[in-house]
């Protein structure tokens, strides 16, 4: 995938953190893109009962910004956390 926004400034798995980051970047007029990926946690040893195959799928959200906005975006994101 070609990413026009070149710098990854944050990666989170929590949807609340994702919303806060989106809000702070939007408020400061920093254009961004978000890529979501599934994190598959399928390990046979995680389940105590063989028949229990609960889906442990989580999403990982990666935020990308333009290189010129990267330092400001990182600063703003760190101030929120």
PDB file of N, CA and C in Angstrom:
ATOM      1  N   UNK A   1       0.841  -1.182   0.000  1.00  0.00           N
ATOM      2  CA  UNK A   1       0.000   0.000   0.000  1.00  0.00           C
ATOM      3  C   UNK A   1       0.884   1.243   0.000  1.00  0.00           C
ATOM      4  N   UNK A   2       0.652   2.127  -0.924  1.00  0.00           N
ATOM      5  CA  UNK A   2       1.381   3.377  -0.983  1.00  0.00           C
ATOM      6  C   UNK A   2       0.803   4.333   0.038  1.00  0.00           C
ATOM      7  N   UNK A   3       1.656   4.814   0.909  1.00  0.00           N
ATOM      8  CA  UNK A   3       1.194   5.714   1.962  1.00  0.00           C
ATOM      9  C   UNK A   3       1.679   7.126   1.648  1.00  0.00           C
ATOM     10  N   UNK A   4       0.748   8.027   1.327  1.00  0.00           N
ATOM     11  CA  UNK A   4       1.114   9.404   1.013  1.00  0.00           C
ATOM     12  C   UNK A   4       1.575  10.155   2.251  1.00  0.00           C
ATOM     13  N   UNK A   5       1.131   9.708   3.411  1.00  0.00           N
ATOM     14  CA  UNK A   5       1.569  10.286   4.670  1.00  0.00           C
ATOM     15  C   UNK A   5       2.705   9.394   5.152  1.00  0.00           C
ATOM     16  N   UNK A   6       3.919   9.927   5.203  1.00  0.00           N
ATOM     17  CA  UNK A   6       5.078   9.077   5.351  1.00  0.00           C
ATOM     18  C   UNK A   6       5.517   8.662   6.724  1.00  0.00           C
ATOM     19  N   UNK A   7       5.142   9.366   7.789  1.00  0.00           N
ATOM     20  CA  UNK A   7       5.737   9.110   9.090  1.00  0.00           C
ATOM     21  C   UNK A   7       4.704   8.541  10.056  1.00  0.00           C
ATOM     22  N   UNK A   8       5.031   7.388  10.642  1.00  0.00           N
ATOM     23  CA  UNK A   8       4.174   6.784  11.660  1.00  0.00           C
ATOM     24  C   UNK A   8       4.459   7.498  12.973  1.00  0.00           C
ATOM     25  N   UNK A   9       3.457   8.185  13.511  1.00  0.00           N
ATOM     26  CA  UNK A   9       3.651   8.951  14.748  1.00  0.00           C
ATOM     27  C   UNK A   9       3.056   8.270  15.965  1.00  0.00           C
ATOM     28  N   UNK A  10       2.204   7.269  15.764  1.00  0.00           N
ATOM     29  CA  UNK A  10       1.616   6.562  16.903  1.00  0.00           C
ATOM     30  C   UNK A  10       1.003   5.252  16.436  1.00  0.00           C
ATOM     31  N   UNK A  11       1.061   4.267  17.326  1.00  0.00           N
ATOM     32  CA  UNK A  11       0.391   2.989  17.113  1.00  0.00           C
ATOM     33  C   UNK A  11      -0.294   2.622  18.417  1.00  0.00           C
ATOM     34  N   UNK A  12      -1.609   2.429  18.363  1.00  0.00           N
ATOM     35  CA  UNK A  12      -2.379   2.113  19.569  1.00  0.00           C
ATOM     36  C   UNK A  12      -3.333   0.960  19.285  1.00  0.00           C
ATOM     37  N   UNK A  13      -3.742   0.280  20.363  1.00  0.00           N
ATOM     38  CA  UNK A  13      -4.730  -0.789  20.237  1.00  0.00           C
ATOM     39  C   UNK A  13      -6.031  -0.439  20.950  1.00  0.00           C
ATOM     40  N   UNK A  14      -6.020   0.636  21.694  1.00  0.00           N
ATOM     41  CA  UNK A  14      -7.187   1.062  22.465  1.00  0.00           C
ATOM     42  C   UNK A  14      -8.004   2.064  21.649  1.00  0.00           C
ATOM     43  N   UNK A  15      -9.308   1.811  21.501  1.00  0.00           N
ATOM     44  CA  UNK A  15     -10.139   2.701  20.684  1.00  0.00           C
ATOM     45  C   UNK A  15     -10.310   4.078  21.322  1.00  0.00           C
ATOM     46  N   UNK A  16     -10.267   4.166  22.647  1.00  0.00           N
ATOM     47  CA  UNK A  16     -10.348   5.484  23.299  1.00  0.00           C
ATOM     48  C   UNK A  16      -9.125   6.328  22.968  1.00  0.00           C
ATOM     49  N   UNK A  17      -7.946   5.719  23.005  1.00  0.00           N
ATOM     50  CA  UNK A  17      -6.721   6.442  22.644  1.00  0.00           C
ATOM     51  C   UNK A  17      -6.764   6.848  21.182  1.00  0.00           C
ATOM     52  N   UNK A  18      -7.297   5.956  20.333  1.00  0.00           N
ATOM     53  CA  UNK A  18      -7.427   6.281  18.912  1.00  0.00           C
ATOM     54  C   UNK A  18      -8.282   7.530  18.730  1.00  0.00           C
ATOM     55  N   UNK A  19      -9.419   7.584  19.441  1.00  0.00           N
ATOM     56  CA  UNK A  19     -10.310   8.740  19.339  1.00  0.00           C
ATOM     57  C   UNK A  19      -9.637  10.014  19.830  1.00  0.00           C
ATOM     58  N   UNK A  20      -8.883   9.934  20.928  1.00  0.00           N
ATOM     59  CA  UNK A  20      -8.189  11.115  21.459  1.00  0.00           C
ATOM     60  C   UNK A  20      -7.146  11.625  20.475  1.00  0.00           C
ATOM     61  N   UNK A  21      -6.401  10.699  19.870  1.00  0.00           N
ATOM     62  CA  UNK A  21      -5.378  11.102  18.904  1.00  0.00           C
ATOM     63  C   UNK A  21      -6.025  11.750  17.686  1.00  0.00           C
ATOM     64  N   UNK A  22      -7.104  11.168  17.192  1.00  0.00           N
ATOM     65  CA  UNK A  22      -7.800  11.759  16.046  1.00  0.00           C
ATOM     66  C   UNK A  22      -8.294  13.162  16.380  1.00  0.00           C
ATOM     67  N   UNK A  23      -8.830  13.316  17.575  1.00  0.00           N
ATOM     68  CA  UNK A  23      -9.354  14.611  18.002  1.00  0.00           C
ATOM     69  C   UNK A  23      -8.251  15.664  18.086  1.00  0.00           C
ATOM     70  N   UNK A  24      -7.127  15.314  18.709  1.00  0.00           N
ATOM     71  CA  UNK A  24      -6.048  16.293  18.893  1.00  0.00           C
ATOM     72  C   UNK A  24      -5.415  16.674  17.551  1.00  0.00           C
ATOM     73  N   UNK A  25      -5.272  15.722  16.644  1.00  0.00           N
ATOM     74  CA  UNK A  25      -4.703  16.044  15.335  1.00  0.00           C
ATOM     75  C   UNK A  25      -5.656  16.917  14.524  1.00  0.00           C
ATOM     76  N   UNK A  26      -6.941  16.626  14.584  1.00  0.00           N
ATOM     77  CA  UNK A  26      -7.939  17.422  13.869  1.00  0.00           C
ATOM     78  C   UNK A  26      -8.003  18.841  14.418  1.00  0.00           C
ATOM     79  N   UNK A  27      -7.984  18.983  15.744  1.00  0.00           N
ATOM     80  CA  UNK A  27      -8.041  20.307  16.370  1.00  0.00           C
ATOM     81  C   UNK A  27      -6.853  21.172  15.977  1.00  0.00           C
ATOM     82  N   UNK A  28      -5.722  20.539  15.692  1.00  0.00           N
ATOM     83  CA  UNK A  28      -4.514  21.280  15.339  1.00  0.00           C
ATOM     84  C   UNK A  28      -4.250  21.293  13.834  1.00  0.00           C
ATOM     85  N   UNK A  29      -5.275  20.959  13.059  1.00  0.00           N
ATOM     86  CA  UNK A  29      -5.210  21.003  11.591  1.00  0.00           C
ATOM     87  C   UNK A  29      -4.039  20.214  11.015  1.00  0.00           C
ATOM     88  N   UNK A  30      -3.765  19.053  11.610  1.00  0.00           N
ATOM     89  CA  UNK A  30      -2.734  18.165  11.089  1.00  0.00           C
ATOM     90  C   UNK A  30      -3.437  17.044  10.327  1.00  0.00           C
ATOM     91  N   UNK A  31      -3.159  16.973   9.032  1.00  0.00           N
ATOM     92  CA  UNK A  31      -3.758  15.922   8.211  1.00  0.00           C
ATOM     93  C   UNK A  31      -3.089  14.597   8.551  1.00  0.00           C
ATOM     94  N   UNK A  32      -3.898  13.557   8.623  1.00  0.00           N
ATOM     95  CA  UNK A  32      -3.381  12.246   9.004  1.00  0.00           C
ATOM     96  C   UNK A  32      -4.146  11.154   8.278  1.00  0.00           C
ATOM     97  N   UNK A  33      -3.569   9.987   8.287  1.00  0.00           N
ATOM     98  CA  UNK A  33      -4.281   8.795   7.832  1.00  0.00           C
ATOM     99  C   UNK A  33      -4.122   7.731   8.909  1.00  0.00           C
ATOM    100  N   UNK A  34      -5.103   6.853   8.986  1.00  0.00           N
ATOM    101  CA  UNK A  34      -5.087   5.781   9.977  1.00  0.00           C
ATOM    102  C   UNK A  34      -5.179   4.459   9.238  1.00  0.00           C
ATOM    103  N   UNK A  35      -4.283   3.567   9.588  1.00  0.00           N
ATOM    104  CA  UNK A  35      -4.326   2.222   9.029  1.00  0.00           C
ATOM    105  C   UNK A  35      -4.660   1.272  10.168  1.00  0.00           C
ATOM    106  N   UNK A  36      -5.656   0.434   9.964  1.00  0.00           N
ATOM    107  CA  UNK A  36      -6.050  -0.544  10.984  1.00  0.00           C
ATOM    108  C   UNK A  36      -5.634  -1.936  10.520  1.00  0.00           C
ATOM    109  N   UNK A  37      -5.048  -2.693  11.438  1.00  0.00           N
ATOM    110  CA  UNK A  37      -4.650  -4.070  11.152  1.00  0.00           C
ATOM    111  C   UNK A  37      -5.181  -4.974  12.242  1.00  0.00           C
ATOM    112  N   UNK A  38      -5.535  -6.185  11.845  1.00  0.00           N
ATOM    113  CA  UNK A  38      -5.926  -7.189  12.828  1.00  0.00           C
ATOM    114  C   UNK A  38      -4.674  -7.779  13.455  1.00  0.00           C
ATOM    115  N   UNK A  39      -4.721  -7.957  14.763  1.00  0.00           N
ATOM    116  CA  UNK A  39      -3.649  -8.645  15.474  1.00  0.00           C
ATOM    117  C   UNK A  39      -4.238  -9.984  15.893  1.00  0.00           C
ATOM    118  N   UNK A  40      -3.831 -11.030  15.234  1.00  0.00           N
ATOM    119  CA  UNK A  40      -4.366 -12.353  15.564  1.00  0.00           C
ATOM    120  C   UNK A  40      -3.526 -12.991  16.653  1.00  0.00           C
ATOM    121  N   UNK A  41      -4.166 -13.268  17.767  1.00  0.00           N
ATOM    122  CA  UNK A  41      -3.487 -13.892  18.891  1.00  0.00           C
ATOM    123  C   UNK A  41      -3.999 -15.320  19.018  1.00  0.00           C
ATOM    124  N   UNK A  42      -3.615 -16.144  18.093  1.00  0.00           N
ATOM    125  CA  UNK A  42      -4.087 -17.524  18.092  1.00  0.00           C
ATOM    126  C   UNK A  42      -2.948 -18.423  18.549  1.00  0.00           C
ATOM    127  N   UNK A  43      -3.010 -18.817  19.779  1.00  0.00           N
ATOM    128  CA  UNK A  43      -2.014 -19.699  20.346  1.00  0.00           C
ATOM    129  C   UNK A  43      -2.761 -20.833  21.026  1.00  0.00           C
ATOM    130  N   UNK A  44      -2.466 -22.050  20.647  1.00  0.00           N
ATOM    131  CA  UNK A  44      -3.181 -23.200  21.199  1.00  0.00           C
ATOM    132  C   UNK A  44      -3.015 -23.302  22.705  1.00  0.00           C
ATOM    133  N   UNK A  45      -1.924 -22.816  23.245  1.00  0.00           N
ATOM    134  CA  UNK A  45      -1.666 -22.919  24.680  1.00  0.00           C
ATOM    135  C   UNK A  45      -2.410 -21.858  25.489  1.00  0.00           C
ATOM    136  N   UNK A  46      -2.986 -20.857  24.816  1.00  0.00           N
ATOM    137  CA  UNK A  46      -3.749 -19.823  25.514  1.00  0.00           C
ATOM    138  C   UNK A  46      -5.073 -20.349  26.052  1.00  0.00           C
ATOM    139  N   UNK A  47      -5.565 -21.404  25.483  1.00  0.00           N
ATOM    140  CA  UNK A  47      -6.867 -21.936  25.865  1.00  0.00           C
ATOM    141  C   UNK A  47      -6.689 -23.140  26.783  1.00  0.00           C
ATOM    142  N   UNK A  48      -7.283 -23.074  27.974  1.00  0.00           N
ATOM    143  CA  UNK A  48      -7.169 -24.175  28.929  1.00  0.00           C
ATOM    144  C   UNK A  48      -7.987 -25.375  28.480  1.00  0.00           C
ATOM    145  N   UNK A  49      -9.069 -25.116  27.787  1.00  0.00           N
ATOM    146  CA  UNK A  49      -9.941 -26.184  27.299  1.00  0.00           C
ATOM    147  C   UNK A  49      -9.809 -26.230  25.784  1.00  0.00           C
ATOM    148  N   UNK A  50      -9.530 -27.400  25.263  1.00  0.00           N
ATOM    149  CA  UNK A  50      -9.292 -27.523  23.827  1.00  0.00           C
ATOM    150  C   UNK A  50     -10.481 -27.035  23.005  1.00  0.00           C
ATOM    151  N   UNK A  51     -11.687 -27.259  23.478  1.00  0.00           N
ATOM    152  CA  UNK A  51     -12.872 -26.836  22.742  1.00  0.00           C
ATOM    153  C   UNK A  51     -13.136 -25.345  22.810  1.00  0.00           C
ATOM    154  N   UNK A  52     -12.441 -24.630  23.676  1.00  0.00           N
ATOM    155  CA  UNK A  52     -12.646 -23.193  23.830  1.00  0.00           C
ATOM    156  C   UNK A  52     -11.719 -22.457  22.881  1.00  0.00           C
ATOM    157  N   UNK A  53     -12.271 -21.992  21.778  1.00  0.00           N
ATOM    158  CA  UNK A  53     -11.457 -21.260  20.803  1.00  0.00           C
ATOM    159  C   UNK A  53     -11.998 -19.853  20.653  1.00  0.00           C
ATOM    160  N   UNK A  54     -11.979 -19.132  21.727  1.00  0.00           N
ATOM    161  CA  UNK A  54     -12.472 -17.755  21.718  1.00  0.00           C
ATOM    162  C   UNK A  54     -11.601 -16.916  20.796  1.00  0.00           C
ATOM    163  N   UNK A  55     -12.230 -16.064  20.060  1.00  0.00           N
ATOM    164  CA  UNK A  55     -11.514 -15.210  19.130  1.00  0.00           C
ATOM    165  C   UNK A  55     -10.786 -14.116  19.891  1.00  0.00           C
ATOM    166  N   UNK A  56      -9.464 -14.114  19.836  1.00  0.00           N
ATOM    167  CA  UNK A  56      -8.661 -13.115  20.529  1.00  0.00           C
ATOM    168  C   UNK A  56      -8.195 -12.021  19.590  1.00  0.00           C
ATOM    169  N   UNK A  57      -8.979 -11.704  18.572  1.00  0.00           N
ATOM    170  CA  UNK A  57      -8.579 -10.726  17.576  1.00  0.00           C
ATOM    171  C   UNK A  57      -8.722  -9.307  18.110  1.00  0.00           C
ATOM    172  N   UNK A  58      -7.671  -8.524  17.911  1.00  0.00           N
ATOM    173  CA  UNK A  58      -7.682  -7.116  18.293  1.00  0.00           C
ATOM    174  C   UNK A  58      -7.283  -6.294  17.076  1.00  0.00           C
ATOM    175  N   UNK A  59      -7.582  -5.020  17.142  1.00  0.00           N
ATOM    176  CA  UNK A  59      -7.166  -4.107  16.082  1.00  0.00           C
ATOM    177  C   UNK A  59      -6.008  -3.250  16.561  1.00  0.00           C
ATOM    178  N   UNK A  60      -5.102  -2.977  15.634  1.00  0.00           N
ATOM    179  CA  UNK A  60      -3.988  -2.073  15.888  1.00  0.00           C
ATOM    180  C   UNK A  60      -4.182  -0.887  14.949  1.00  0.00           C
ATOM    181  N   UNK A  61      -4.165   0.328  15.494  1.00  0.00           N
ATOM    182  CA  UNK A  61      -4.362   1.545  14.705  1.00  0.00           C
ATOM    183  C   UNK A  61      -3.032   2.274  14.579  1.00  0.00           C
ATOM    184  N   UNK A  62      -2.607   2.531  13.347  1.00  0.00           N
ATOM    185  CA  UNK A  62      -1.347   3.224  13.094  1.00  0.00           C
ATOM    186  C   UNK A  62      -1.646   4.572  12.447  1.00  0.00           C
ATOM    187  N   UNK A  63      -1.123   5.628  13.043  1.00  0.00           N
ATOM    188  CA  UNK A  63      -1.353   6.987  12.566  1.00  0.00           C
ATOM    189  C   UNK A  63      -0.146   7.464  11.771  1.00  0.00           C
ATOM    190  N   UNK A  64      -0.425   7.989  10.585  1.00  0.00           N
ATOM    191  CA  UNK A  64       0.618   8.519   9.712  1.00  0.00           C
ATOM    192  C   UNK A  64       0.335   9.987   9.415  1.00  0.00           C
ATOM    193  N   UNK A  65       1.389  10.790   9.420  1.00  0.00           N
ATOM    194  CA  UNK A  65       1.269  12.209   9.077  1.00  0.00           C
ATOM    195  C   UNK A  65       2.369  12.565   8.084  1.00  0.00           C
ATOM    196  N   UNK A  66       2.225  13.745   7.499  1.00  0.00           N
ATOM    197  CA  UNK A  66       3.236  14.273   6.609  1.00  0.00           C
ATOM    198  C   UNK A  66       4.515  14.513   7.401  1.00  0.00           C
ATOM    199  N   UNK A  67       5.641  14.320   6.748  1.00  0.00           N
ATOM    200  CA  UNK A  67       6.944  14.456   7.412  1.00  0.00           C
ATOM    201  C   UNK A  67       7.107  15.822   8.085  1.00  0.00           C
ATOM    202  N   UNK A  68       6.605  16.876   7.457  1.00  0.00           N
ATOM    203  CA  UNK A  68       6.768  18.225   8.026  1.00  0.00           C
ATOM    204  C   UNK A  68       5.962  18.427   9.310  1.00  0.00           C
ATOM    205  N   UNK A  69       4.919  17.624   9.511  1.00  0.00           N
ATOM    206  CA  UNK A  69       4.078  17.739  10.705  1.00  0.00           C
ATOM    207  C   UNK A  69       4.411  16.711  11.787  1.00  0.00           C
ATOM    208  N   UNK A  70       5.380  15.853  11.526  1.00  0.00           N
ATOM    209  CA  UNK A  70       5.646  14.722  12.420  1.00  0.00           C
ATOM    210  C   UNK A  70       6.050  15.155  13.828  1.00  0.00           C
ATOM    211  N   UNK A  71       6.976  16.096  13.953  1.00  0.00           N
ATOM    212  CA  UNK A  71       7.437  16.514  15.285  1.00  0.00           C
ATOM    213  C   UNK A  71       6.299  17.099  16.114  1.00  0.00           C
ATOM    214  N   UNK A  72       5.492  17.952  15.509  1.00  0.00           N
ATOM    215  CA  UNK A  72       4.369  18.559  16.221  1.00  0.00           C
ATOM    216  C   UNK A  72       3.343  17.496  16.606  1.00  0.00           C
ATOM    217  N   UNK A  73       3.073  16.568  15.705  1.00  0.00           N
ATOM    218  CA  UNK A  73       2.097  15.512  15.986  1.00  0.00           C
ATOM    219  C   UNK A  73       2.551  14.641  17.154  1.00  0.00           C
ATOM    220  N   UNK A  74       3.814  14.260  17.170  1.00  0.00           N
ATOM    221  CA  UNK A  74       4.340  13.444  18.273  1.00  0.00           C
ATOM    222  C   UNK A  74       4.240  14.208  19.585  1.00  0.00           C
ATOM    223  N   UNK A  75       4.581  15.488  19.563  1.00  0.00           N
ATOM    224  CA  UNK A  75       4.493  16.313  20.772  1.00  0.00           C
ATOM    225  C   UNK A  75       3.054  16.370  21.287  1.00  0.00           C
ATOM    226  N   UNK A  76       2.107  16.607  20.403  1.00  0.00           N
ATOM    227  CA  UNK A  76       0.697  16.688  20.801  1.00  0.00           C
ATOM    228  C   UNK A  76       0.179  15.351  21.330  1.00  0.00           C
ATOM    229  N   UNK A  77       0.540  14.277  20.665  1.00  0.00           N
ATOM    230  CA  UNK A  77       0.088  12.946  21.095  1.00  0.00           C
ATOM    231  C   UNK A  77       0.657  12.606  22.462  1.00  0.00           C
ATOM    232  N   UNK A  78       1.926  12.914  22.686  1.00  0.00           N
ATOM    233  CA  UNK A  78       2.545  12.635  23.989  1.00  0.00           C
ATOM    234  C   UNK A  78       1.937  13.475  25.100  1.00  0.00           C
ATOM    235  N   UNK A  79       1.480  14.678  24.781  1.00  0.00           N
ATOM    236  CA  UNK A  79       0.872  15.534  25.807  1.00  0.00           C
ATOM    237  C   UNK A  79      -0.513  15.026  26.217  1.00  0.00           C
ATOM    238  N   UNK A  80      -1.168  14.267  25.346  1.00  0.00           N
ATOM    239  CA  UNK A  80      -2.488  13.707  25.647  1.00  0.00           C
ATOM    240  C   UNK A  80      -2.359  12.507  26.572  1.00  0.00           C
ATOM    241  N   UNK A  81      -1.354  11.699  26.357  1.00  0.00           N
ATOM    242  CA  UNK A  81      -1.164  10.478  27.149  1.00  0.00           C
ATOM    243  C   UNK A  81      -0.608  10.856  28.471  1.00  0.00           C
TER     244      UNK A  81
END
